[in-house]
Amino acid sequence: MRKPRNFVILLLLVGTVFSLPVRAGIEDMASNLQKLYMWEKIASACKTKSPTELKQEWTVIEMIVYAEAALWEGNISAVLRSIGRTEPQIRPFFEDLKWSADVLARGALDRMYCNTVDKDRAVRVMVSDPAFNDASGQVLDASKLLN
């Protein structure tokens, strides 16, 4: 006869083993999302801090990075819901990422001039994101609606 304690330990081990890949995937996605949140904050600040000729480019960067972040938020939310998390459990996850990204952005902005070099760095981050094609398409479609 099995002891109930052994059964509970087995369930805990099985749950831990199966959740490790999901946890690793979420951690990678969260790290990427945090980076996007940070660059969104940087682009927003650089719209006012940059030379006049770069303001429009920083605006476009901000819009595309915002769209990339929204796509990642949707993916992460879906994964978290698939493992049983509810919306009240998911919301603080994103709030924590935004808070830490804000801290990182403030630190980065202290060392930035929002010039062409900084803009080029932001563009490299933006276009290297796997969601770039979808996000830039969304921004382009939205801009067509405004014209």
C-alpha atoms as a PDB file:
ATOM      1  CA  MET A   1       0.000   0.000   0.000  1.00  0.00           C
ATOM      2  CA  ARG A   2       1.335   3.442  -0.974  1.00  0.00           C
ATOM      3  CA  LYS A   3       1.585   6.172   1.551  1.00  0.00           C
ATOM      4  CA  PRO A   4      -0.337   9.365   0.695  1.00  0.00           C
ATOM      5  CA  ARG A   5       2.829  11.360   1.363  1.00  0.00           C
ATOM      6  CA  ASN A   6       4.691   9.492  -1.415  1.00  0.00           C
ATOM      7  CA  PHE A   7       1.862  10.207  -3.835  1.00  0.00           C
ATOM      8  CA  VAL A   8       1.988  13.921  -3.026  1.00  0.00           C
ATOM      9  CA  ILE A   9       5.762  13.964  -3.528  1.00  0.00           C
ATOM     10  CA  LEU A  10       5.340  12.210  -6.883  1.00  0.00           C
ATOM     11  CA  LEU A  11       2.756  14.783  -7.975  1.00  0.00           C
ATOM     12  CA  LEU A  12       5.043  17.626  -6.959  1.00  0.00           C
ATOM     13  CA  LEU A  13       7.973  16.136  -8.875  1.00  0.00           C
ATOM     14  CA  VAL A  14       5.905  15.561 -12.013  1.00  0.00           C
ATOM     15  CA  GLY A  15       4.539  19.118 -11.833  1.00  0.00           C
ATOM     16  CA  THR A  16       8.018  20.534 -11.381  1.00  0.00           C
ATOM     17  CA  VAL A  17       9.502  18.590 -14.290  1.00  0.00           C
ATOM     18  CA  PHE A  18       6.731  19.540 -16.688  1.00  0.00           C
ATOM     19  CA  SER A  19       6.724  23.191 -15.690  1.00  0.00           C
ATOM     20  CA  LEU A  20      10.481  23.735 -16.155  1.00  0.00           C
ATOM     21  CA  PRO A  21      10.341  24.224 -19.959  1.00  0.00           C
ATOM     22  CA  VAL A  22       7.330  26.512 -19.599  1.00  0.00           C
ATOM     23  CA  ARG A  23       9.078  28.524 -16.877  1.00  0.00           C
ATOM     24  CA  ALA A  24      12.241  28.829 -18.984  1.00  0.00           C
ATOM     25  CA  GLY A  25      10.195  29.930 -21.988  1.00  0.00           C
ATOM     26  CA  ILE A  26       8.325  32.528 -19.970  1.00  0.00           C
ATOM     27  CA  GLU A  27      11.566  33.831 -18.457  1.00  0.00           C
ATOM     28  CA  ASP A  28      13.052  34.303 -21.939  1.00  0.00           C
ATOM     29  CA  MET A  29       9.893  36.001 -23.190  1.00  0.00           C
ATOM     30  CA  ALA A  30       9.733  38.190 -20.071  1.00  0.00           C
ATOM     31  CA  SER A  31      13.347  39.260 -20.528  1.00  0.00           C
ATOM     32  CA  ASN A  32      12.610  40.219 -24.122  1.00  0.00           C
ATOM     33  CA  LEU A  33       9.442  42.073 -23.122  1.00  0.00           C
ATOM     34  CA  GLN A  34      11.295  43.959 -20.401  1.00  0.00           C
ATOM     35  CA  LYS A  35      13.857  45.075 -23.003  1.00  0.00           C
ATOM     36  CA  LEU A  36      11.044  46.291 -25.261  1.00  0.00           C
ATOM     37  CA  TYR A  37       9.362  48.169 -22.409  1.00  0.00           C
ATOM     38  CA  MET A  38      12.719  49.813 -21.662  1.00  0.00           C
ATOM     39  CA  TRP A  39      13.239  50.898 -25.275  1.00  0.00           C
ATOM     40  CA  GLU A  40       9.670  52.153 -25.489  1.00  0.00           C
ATOM     41  CA  LYS A  41      10.393  54.427 -22.482  1.00  0.00           C
ATOM     42  CA  ILE A  42      13.697  55.507 -24.016  1.00  0.00           C
ATOM     43  CA  ALA A  43      12.078  56.308 -27.370  1.00  0.00           C
ATOM     44  CA  SER A  44       9.353  58.293 -25.638  1.00  0.00           C
ATOM     45  CA  ALA A  45      11.922  60.365 -23.734  1.00  0.00           C
ATOM     46  CA  CYS A  46      14.097  60.781 -26.822  1.00  0.00           C
ATOM     47  CA  LYS A  47      11.207  62.310 -28.768  1.00  0.00           C
ATOM     48  CA  THR A  48      11.664  65.444 -26.675  1.00  0.00           C
ATOM     49  CA  LYS A  49      15.384  65.135 -25.905  1.00  0.00           C
ATOM     50  CA  SER A  50      16.650  64.453 -29.446  1.00  0.00           C
ATOM     51  CA  PRO A  51      17.671  66.914 -32.139  1.00  0.00           C
ATOM     52  CA  THR A  52      14.700  68.135 -34.205  1.00  0.00           C
ATOM     53  CA  GLU A  53      15.622  66.086 -37.271  1.00  0.00           C
ATOM     54  CA  LEU A  54      15.366  62.815 -35.262  1.00  0.00           C
ATOM     55  CA  LYS A  55      12.077  63.441 -33.419  1.00  0.00           C
ATOM     56  CA  GLN A  56       9.910  61.781 -36.059  1.00  0.00           C
ATOM     57  CA  GLU A  57      12.187  58.735 -36.215  1.00  0.00           C
ATOM     58  CA  TRP A  58      12.019  58.335 -32.424  1.00  0.00           C
ATOM     59  CA  THR A  59       8.219  58.553 -32.687  1.00  0.00           C
ATOM     60  CA  VAL A  60       8.154  55.713 -35.228  1.00  0.00           C
ATOM     61  CA  ILE A  61      10.526  53.637 -33.084  1.00  0.00           C
ATOM     62  CA  GLU A  62       8.275  54.172 -30.070  1.00  0.00           C
ATOM     63  CA  MET A  63       5.175  53.069 -32.009  1.00  0.00           C
ATOM     64  CA  ILE A  64       6.795  49.925 -33.402  1.00  0.00           C
ATOM     65  CA  VAL A  65       8.362  48.915 -30.076  1.00  0.00           C
ATOM     66  CA  TYR A  66       4.962  49.467 -28.418  1.00  0.00           C
ATOM     67  CA  ALA A  67       3.339  47.156 -30.981  1.00  0.00           C
ATOM     68  CA  GLU A  68       6.092  44.546 -30.482  1.00  0.00           C
ATOM     69  CA  ALA A  69       5.524  44.667 -26.719  1.00  0.00           C
ATOM     70  CA  ALA A  70       1.775  44.257 -27.183  1.00  0.00           C
ATOM     71  CA  LEU A  71       2.346  41.138 -29.292  1.00  0.00           C
ATOM     72  CA  TRP A  72       4.676  39.676 -26.636  1.00  0.00           C
ATOM     73  CA  GLU A  73       2.160  40.516 -23.894  1.00  0.00           C
ATOM     74  CA  GLY A  74      -0.450  38.518 -25.794  1.00  0.00           C
ATOM     75  CA  ASN A  75       1.883  35.540 -26.185  1.00  0.00           C
ATOM     76  CA  ILE A  76       2.946  35.560 -22.544  1.00  0.00           C
ATOM     77  CA  SER A  77      -0.649  35.936 -21.350  1.00  0.00           C
ATOM     78  CA  ALA A  78      -1.677  32.949 -23.456  1.00  0.00           C
ATOM     79  CA  VAL A  79       1.118  30.795 -22.018  1.00  0.00           C
ATOM     80  CA  LEU A  80       0.317  31.840 -18.455  1.00  0.00           C
ATOM     81  CA  ARG A  81      -3.398  31.129 -18.983  1.00  0.00           C
ATOM     82  CA  SER A  82      -2.519  27.727 -20.451  1.00  0.00           C
ATOM     83  CA  ILE A  83      -0.812  26.773 -17.185  1.00  0.00           C
ATOM     84  CA  GLY A  84      -3.765  27.915 -15.114  1.00  0.00           C
ATOM     85  CA  ARG A  85      -2.974  31.519 -14.258  1.00  0.00           C
ATOM     86  CA  THR A  86      -5.876  33.950 -14.053  1.00  0.00           C
ATOM     87  CA  GLU A  87      -5.964  37.591 -15.139  1.00  0.00           C
ATOM     88  CA  PRO A  88      -5.518  38.884 -11.556  1.00  0.00           C
ATOM     89  CA  GLN A  89      -2.388  36.699 -11.325  1.00  0.00           C
ATOM     90  CA  ILE A  90      -1.077  37.788 -14.740  1.00  0.00           C
ATOM     91  CA  ARG A  91      -1.494  41.560 -14.382  1.00  0.00           C
ATOM     92  CA  PRO A  92       1.168  41.997 -11.631  1.00  0.00           C
ATOM     93  CA  PHE A  93       3.647  40.078 -13.808  1.00  0.00           C
ATOM     94  CA  PHE A  94       3.462  42.807 -16.467  1.00  0.00           C
ATOM     95  CA  GLU A  95       3.402  45.621 -13.897  1.00  0.00           C
ATOM     96  CA  ASP A  96       6.648  44.315 -12.377  1.00  0.00           C
ATOM     97  CA  LEU A  97       8.289  44.121 -15.804  1.00  0.00           C
ATOM     98  CA  LYS A  98       7.207  47.679 -16.625  1.00  0.00           C
ATOM     99  CA  TRP A  99       8.497  48.982 -13.305  1.00  0.00           C
ATOM    100  CA  SER A 100      11.921  47.366 -13.725  1.00  0.00           C
ATOM    101  CA  ALA A 101      12.086  48.485 -17.375  1.00  0.00           C
ATOM    102  CA  ASP A 102      11.369  52.043 -16.239  1.00  0.00           C
ATOM    103  CA  VAL A 103      14.289  51.878 -13.798  1.00  0.00           C
ATOM    104  CA  LEU A 104      16.567  50.489 -16.527  1.00  0.00           C
ATOM    105  CA  ALA A 105      15.416  53.144 -19.000  1.00  0.00           C
ATOM    106  CA  ARG A 106      16.158  55.977 -16.578  1.00  0.00           C
ATOM    107  CA  GLY A 107      19.657  54.596 -16.057  1.00  0.00           C
ATOM    108  CA  ALA A 108      20.235  54.257 -19.791  1.00  0.00           C
ATOM    109  CA  LEU A 109      18.881  57.739 -20.543  1.00  0.00           C
ATOM    110  CA  ASP A 110      21.415  59.258 -18.173  1.00  0.00           C
ATOM    111  CA  ARG A 111      24.124  58.044 -20.562  1.00  0.00           C
ATOM    112  CA  MET A 112      22.309  58.821 -23.829  1.00  0.00           C
ATOM    113  CA  TYR A 113      22.098  61.892 -26.030  1.00  0.00           C
ATOM    114  CA  CYS A 114      19.267  60.542 -28.210  1.00  0.00           C
ATOM    115  CA  ASN A 115      21.433  61.256 -31.239  1.00  0.00           C
ATOM    116  CA  THR A 116      21.907  59.206 -34.407  1.00  0.00           C
ATOM    117  CA  VAL A 117      24.125  56.651 -32.656  1.00  0.00           C
ATOM    118  CA  ASP A 118      21.479  56.033 -29.983  1.00  0.00           C
ATOM    119  CA  LYS A 119      18.715  55.921 -32.597  1.00  0.00           C
ATOM    120  CA  ASP A 120      20.650  53.369 -34.648  1.00  0.00           C
ATOM    121  CA  ARG A 121      21.082  51.234 -31.536  1.00  0.00           C
ATOM    122  CA  ALA A 122      17.332  51.405 -30.877  1.00  0.00           C
ATOM    123  CA  VAL A 123      16.628  50.416 -34.477  1.00  0.00           C
ATOM    124  CA  ARG A 124      18.932  47.381 -34.184  1.00  0.00           C
ATOM    125  CA  VAL A 125      17.050  46.228 -31.077  1.00  0.00           C
ATOM    126  CA  MET A 126      13.706  46.896 -32.731  1.00  0.00           C
ATOM    127  CA  VAL A 127      14.383  45.045 -35.993  1.00  0.00           C
ATOM    128  CA  SER A 128      16.052  42.096 -34.254  1.00  0.00           C
ATOM    129  CA  ASP A 129      12.867  41.319 -32.332  1.00  0.00           C
ATOM    130  CA  PRO A 130      10.951  38.326 -33.760  1.00  0.00           C
ATOM    131  CA  ALA A 131       7.719  40.360 -33.617  1.00  0.00           C
ATOM    132  CA  PHE A 132       9.147  43.182 -35.760  1.00  0.00           C
ATOM    133  CA  ASN A 133       7.480  42.245 -39.058  1.00  0.00           C
ATOM    134  CA  ASP A 134       4.033  41.914 -37.488  1.00  0.00           C
ATOM    135  CA  ALA A 135       4.461  45.042 -35.371  1.00  0.00           C
ATOM    136  CA  SER A 136       5.736  47.221 -38.212  1.00  0.00           C
ATOM    137  CA  GLY A 137       2.857  45.975 -40.364  1.00  0.00           C
ATOM    138  CA  GLN A 138       0.377  46.995 -37.673  1.00  0.00           C
ATOM    139  CA  VAL A 139       1.926  50.456 -37.379  1.00  0.00           C
ATOM    140  CA  LEU A 140       1.914  50.881 -41.168  1.00  0.00           C
ATOM    141  CA  ASP A 141      -1.740  49.804 -41.377  1.00  0.00           C
ATOM    142  CA  ALA A 142      -2.678  52.197 -38.569  1.00  0.00           C
ATOM    143  CA  SER A 143      -0.853  55.080 -40.242  1.00  0.00           C
ATOM    144  CA  LYS A 144      -2.755  54.426 -43.490  1.00  0.00           C
ATOM    145  CA  LEU A 145      -6.029  54.745 -41.587  1.00  0.00           C
ATOM    146  CA  LEU A 146      -4.942  58.141 -40.264  1.00  0.00           C
ATOM    147  CA  ASN A 147      -4.157  59.512 -43.739  1.00  0.00           C
END
